[in-house]
């Protein structure tokens, strides 16, 4: 007979729930960012938006869209995976979520989310949920 896992402490459960909510919000942001990149690339390709005047401006223009698009696509896969893992209390999910929040620190709009996510997931009570006996 399997012993059911012990319910996490109230503060740990609150931090895990907050992380799950923030990851859900991040999924929406990634989807909207990817849509925005697609719209802007279509506008640029059709000549509807003003074209960059020089080659260096074009590199910056399209390079920015490439960086945002890649991070949005990666995040659109990574954030829901972390959300699911945290919900299931999978051991890998805490480490993966800390890595995700660390990378998201480089996006200015997600700096507070990333800082909180790292803080919350590195707390001893939250770590104990994923690593019994730690």
C-alpha atoms as a PDB file:
ATOM      1  CA  UNK A   1       0.000   0.000   0.000  1.00  0.00           C
ATOM      2  CA  UNK A   2       1.497   3.319  -1.060  1.00  0.00           C
ATOM      3  CA  UNK A   3       1.744   6.087   1.482  1.00  0.00           C
ATOM      4  CA  UNK A   4       0.188   9.301   0.146  1.00  0.00           C
ATOM      5  CA  UNK A   5       2.587  12.261  -0.038  1.00  0.00           C
ATOM      6  CA  UNK A   6       2.397  14.632   2.885  1.00  0.00           C
ATOM      7  CA  UNK A   7       0.567  17.880   2.182  1.00  0.00           C
ATOM      8  CA  UNK A   8       3.042  20.743   1.766  1.00  0.00           C
ATOM      9  CA  UNK A   9       3.240  23.439   4.405  1.00  0.00           C
ATOM     10  CA  UNK A  10       0.803  26.295   3.850  1.00  0.00           C
ATOM     11  CA  UNK A  11       3.513  28.781   2.827  1.00  0.00           C
ATOM     12  CA  UNK A  12       5.124  26.283   0.425  1.00  0.00           C
ATOM     13  CA  UNK A  13       1.742  25.526  -1.128  1.00  0.00           C
ATOM     14  CA  UNK A  14       1.112  29.251  -1.568  1.00  0.00           C
ATOM     15  CA  UNK A  15       4.461  29.794  -3.285  1.00  0.00           C
ATOM     16  CA  UNK A  16       3.875  26.821  -5.570  1.00  0.00           C
ATOM     17  CA  UNK A  17       0.422  28.093  -6.502  1.00  0.00           C
ATOM     18  CA  UNK A  18       1.830  31.571  -7.191  1.00  0.00           C
ATOM     19  CA  UNK A  19       4.496  30.025  -9.447  1.00  0.00           C
ATOM     20  CA  UNK A  20       1.855  28.071 -11.326  1.00  0.00           C
ATOM     21  CA  UNK A  21      -0.233  31.219 -11.844  1.00  0.00           C
ATOM     22  CA  UNK A  22       2.815  33.176 -13.030  1.00  0.00           C
ATOM     23  CA  UNK A  23       3.781  30.374 -15.407  1.00  0.00           C
ATOM     24  CA  UNK A  24       0.248  30.418 -16.823  1.00  0.00           C
ATOM     25  CA  UNK A  25       0.570  34.174 -17.312  1.00  0.00           C
ATOM     26  CA  UNK A  26       3.956  33.608 -18.985  1.00  0.00           C
ATOM     27  CA  UNK A  27       2.369  31.148 -21.430  1.00  0.00           C
ATOM     28  CA  UNK A  28      -0.091  33.859 -22.474  1.00  0.00           C
ATOM     29  CA  UNK A  29       2.738  36.400 -22.835  1.00  0.00           C
ATOM     30  CA  UNK A  30       4.765  33.989 -24.975  1.00  0.00           C
ATOM     31  CA  UNK A  31       1.767  33.341 -27.225  1.00  0.00           C
ATOM     32  CA  UNK A  32       1.054  37.063 -27.639  1.00  0.00           C
ATOM     33  CA  UNK A  33       4.728  37.804 -28.303  1.00  0.00           C
ATOM     34  CA  UNK A  34       4.911  35.116 -30.953  1.00  0.00           C
ATOM     35  CA  UNK A  35       1.754  36.507 -32.586  1.00  0.00           C
ATOM     36  CA  UNK A  36       3.238  40.011 -32.502  1.00  0.00           C
ATOM     37  CA  UNK A  37       6.459  38.827 -34.146  1.00  0.00           C
ATOM     38  CA  UNK A  38       4.490  37.024 -36.857  1.00  0.00           C
ATOM     39  CA  UNK A  39       2.390  40.121 -37.567  1.00  0.00           C
ATOM     40  CA  UNK A  40       5.450  42.368 -37.716  1.00  0.00           C
ATOM     41  CA  UNK A  41       7.341  40.002 -40.008  1.00  0.00           C
ATOM     42  CA  UNK A  42       4.342  39.833 -42.356  1.00  0.00           C
ATOM     43  CA  UNK A  43       4.060  43.626 -42.337  1.00  0.00           C
ATOM     44  CA  UNK A  44       7.772  43.966 -43.073  1.00  0.00           C
ATOM     45  CA  UNK A  45       7.671  41.336 -45.834  1.00  0.00           C
ATOM     46  CA  UNK A  46       4.696  42.962 -47.554  1.00  0.00           C
ATOM     47  CA  UNK A  47       6.233  46.424 -47.359  1.00  0.00           C
ATOM     48  CA  UNK A  48       3.397  47.754 -45.206  1.00  0.00           C
ATOM     49  CA  UNK A  49       5.735  48.839 -42.409  1.00  0.00           C
ATOM     50  CA  UNK A  50       8.606  51.247 -43.031  1.00  0.00           C
ATOM     51  CA  UNK A  51      11.749  49.407 -44.114  1.00  0.00           C
ATOM     52  CA  UNK A  52      15.045  49.950 -42.287  1.00  0.00           C
ATOM     53  CA  UNK A  53      17.156  52.555 -44.092  1.00  0.00           C
ATOM     54  CA  UNK A  54      20.566  50.879 -43.763  1.00  0.00           C
ATOM     55  CA  UNK A  55      21.902  47.349 -43.574  1.00  0.00           C
ATOM     56  CA  UNK A  56      22.893  47.790 -39.924  1.00  0.00           C
ATOM     57  CA  UNK A  57      19.360  48.931 -39.096  1.00  0.00           C
ATOM     58  CA  UNK A  58      17.976  45.883 -40.920  1.00  0.00           C
ATOM     59  CA  UNK A  59      20.210  43.573 -38.893  1.00  0.00           C
ATOM     60  CA  UNK A  60      18.967  45.151 -35.666  1.00  0.00           C
ATOM     61  CA  UNK A  61      15.357  45.173 -36.867  1.00  0.00           C
ATOM     62  CA  UNK A  62      15.205  41.546 -37.956  1.00  0.00           C
ATOM     63  CA  UNK A  63      17.622  40.393 -35.252  1.00  0.00           C
ATOM     64  CA  UNK A  64      15.303  41.751 -32.593  1.00  0.00           C
ATOM     65  CA  UNK A  65      12.342  39.917 -34.100  1.00  0.00           C
ATOM     66  CA  UNK A  66      14.423  36.733 -34.301  1.00  0.00           C
ATOM     67  CA  UNK A  67      15.442  36.911 -30.626  1.00  0.00           C
ATOM     68  CA  UNK A  68      11.910  37.652 -29.452  1.00  0.00           C
ATOM     69  CA  UNK A  69      10.477  34.950 -31.705  1.00  0.00           C
ATOM     70  CA  UNK A  70      12.916  32.272 -30.564  1.00  0.00           C
ATOM     71  CA  UNK A  71      12.392  33.053 -26.861  1.00  0.00           C
ATOM     72  CA  UNK A  72       8.618  33.138 -27.367  1.00  0.00           C
ATOM     73  CA  UNK A  73       8.608  29.762 -29.117  1.00  0.00           C
ATOM     74  CA  UNK A  74      10.889  28.180 -26.510  1.00  0.00           C
ATOM     75  CA  UNK A  75       8.849  29.682 -23.677  1.00  0.00           C
ATOM     76  CA  UNK A  76       5.609  28.523 -25.262  1.00  0.00           C
ATOM     77  CA  UNK A  77       6.868  24.967 -24.817  1.00  0.00           C
ATOM     78  CA  UNK A  78       8.926  25.323 -21.627  1.00  0.00           C
ATOM     79  CA  UNK A  79       6.519  27.301 -19.401  1.00  0.00           C
ATOM     80  CA  UNK A  80       3.537  24.895 -19.727  1.00  0.00           C
ATOM     81  CA  UNK A  81       5.864  21.954 -19.157  1.00  0.00           C
ATOM     82  CA  UNK A  82       7.053  23.564 -15.913  1.00  0.00           C
ATOM     83  CA  UNK A  83       3.480  24.405 -14.944  1.00  0.00           C
ATOM     84  CA  UNK A  84       2.436  20.798 -15.408  1.00  0.00           C
ATOM     85  CA  UNK A  85       5.507  19.520 -13.544  1.00  0.00           C
ATOM     86  CA  UNK A  86       4.962  21.832 -10.566  1.00  0.00           C
ATOM     87  CA  UNK A  87       1.307  20.825 -10.429  1.00  0.00           C
ATOM     88  CA  UNK A  88       2.311  17.140 -10.375  1.00  0.00           C
ATOM     89  CA  UNK A  89       5.148  17.882  -7.881  1.00  0.00           C
ATOM     90  CA  UNK A  90       7.685  16.252 -10.218  1.00  0.00           C
ATOM     91  CA  UNK A  91      11.246  16.457  -8.873  1.00  0.00           C
ATOM     92  CA  UNK A  92      12.635  17.904 -12.121  1.00  0.00           C
ATOM     93  CA  UNK A  93      10.032  20.673 -12.252  1.00  0.00           C
ATOM     94  CA  UNK A  94      11.555  22.837  -9.518  1.00  0.00           C
ATOM     95  CA  UNK A  95      14.997  22.808 -11.152  1.00  0.00           C
ATOM     96  CA  UNK A  96      13.545  23.391 -14.612  1.00  0.00           C
ATOM     97  CA  UNK A  97      11.383  26.252 -13.344  1.00  0.00           C
ATOM     98  CA  UNK A  98      14.343  27.924 -11.629  1.00  0.00           C
ATOM     99  CA  UNK A  99      16.245  27.674 -14.937  1.00  0.00           C
ATOM    100  CA  UNK A 100      13.245  29.094 -16.832  1.00  0.00           C
ATOM    101  CA  UNK A 101      12.886  32.032 -14.426  1.00  0.00           C
ATOM    102  CA  UNK A 102      16.646  32.652 -14.608  1.00  0.00           C
ATOM    103  CA  UNK A 103      16.505  32.953 -18.392  1.00  0.00           C
ATOM    104  CA  UNK A 104      13.382  35.123 -18.182  1.00  0.00           C
ATOM    105  CA  UNK A 105      15.289  37.656 -16.073  1.00  0.00           C
ATOM    106  CA  UNK A 106      16.802  38.894 -19.351  1.00  0.00           C
ATOM    107  CA  UNK A 107      13.385  40.059 -20.532  1.00  0.00           C
ATOM    108  CA  UNK A 108      12.722  43.382 -18.875  1.00  0.00           C
ATOM    109  CA  UNK A 109       8.966  42.907 -18.483  1.00  0.00           C
ATOM    110  CA  UNK A 110       9.420  39.613 -16.635  1.00  0.00           C
ATOM    111  CA  UNK A 111      12.147  40.710 -14.205  1.00  0.00           C
ATOM    112  CA  UNK A 112       9.849  40.821 -11.138  1.00  0.00           C
ATOM    113  CA  UNK A 113       8.242  37.474 -12.058  1.00  0.00           C
ATOM    114  CA  UNK A 114      11.606  35.811 -12.551  1.00  0.00           C
ATOM    115  CA  UNK A 115      13.035  37.197  -9.317  1.00  0.00           C
ATOM    116  CA  UNK A 116      10.009  36.039  -7.332  1.00  0.00           C
ATOM    117  CA  UNK A 117       9.946  32.637  -9.059  1.00  0.00           C
ATOM    118  CA  UNK A 118      13.580  31.983  -8.201  1.00  0.00           C
ATOM    119  CA  UNK A 119      13.130  33.219  -4.615  1.00  0.00           C
ATOM    120  CA  UNK A 120      10.036  31.097  -4.054  1.00  0.00           C
ATOM    121  CA  UNK A 121      11.418  27.897  -5.561  1.00  0.00           C
ATOM    122  CA  UNK A 122      14.716  28.121  -3.669  1.00  0.00           C
ATOM    123  CA  UNK A 123      12.997  28.404  -0.275  1.00  0.00           C
ATOM    124  CA  UNK A 124      13.673  25.515   2.092  1.00  0.00           C
ATOM    125  CA  UNK A 125       9.972  24.690   2.601  1.00  0.00           C
ATOM    126  CA  UNK A 126       9.335  24.557  -1.155  1.00  0.00           C
ATOM    127  CA  UNK A 127      12.479  22.514  -1.755  1.00  0.00           C
ATOM    128  CA  UNK A 128      11.268  20.032   0.878  1.00  0.00           C
ATOM    129  CA  UNK A 129       8.111  19.408  -1.178  1.00  0.00           C
ATOM    130  CA  UNK A 130      10.246  18.155  -4.063  1.00  0.00           C
ATOM    131  CA  UNK A 131      13.098  16.605  -2.094  1.00  0.00           C
ATOM    132  CA  UNK A 132      11.718  14.809   0.955  1.00  0.00           C
ATOM    133  CA  UNK A 133      14.311  14.582   3.689  1.00  0.00           C
ATOM    134  CA  UNK A 134      16.255  17.603   2.383  1.00  0.00           C
END
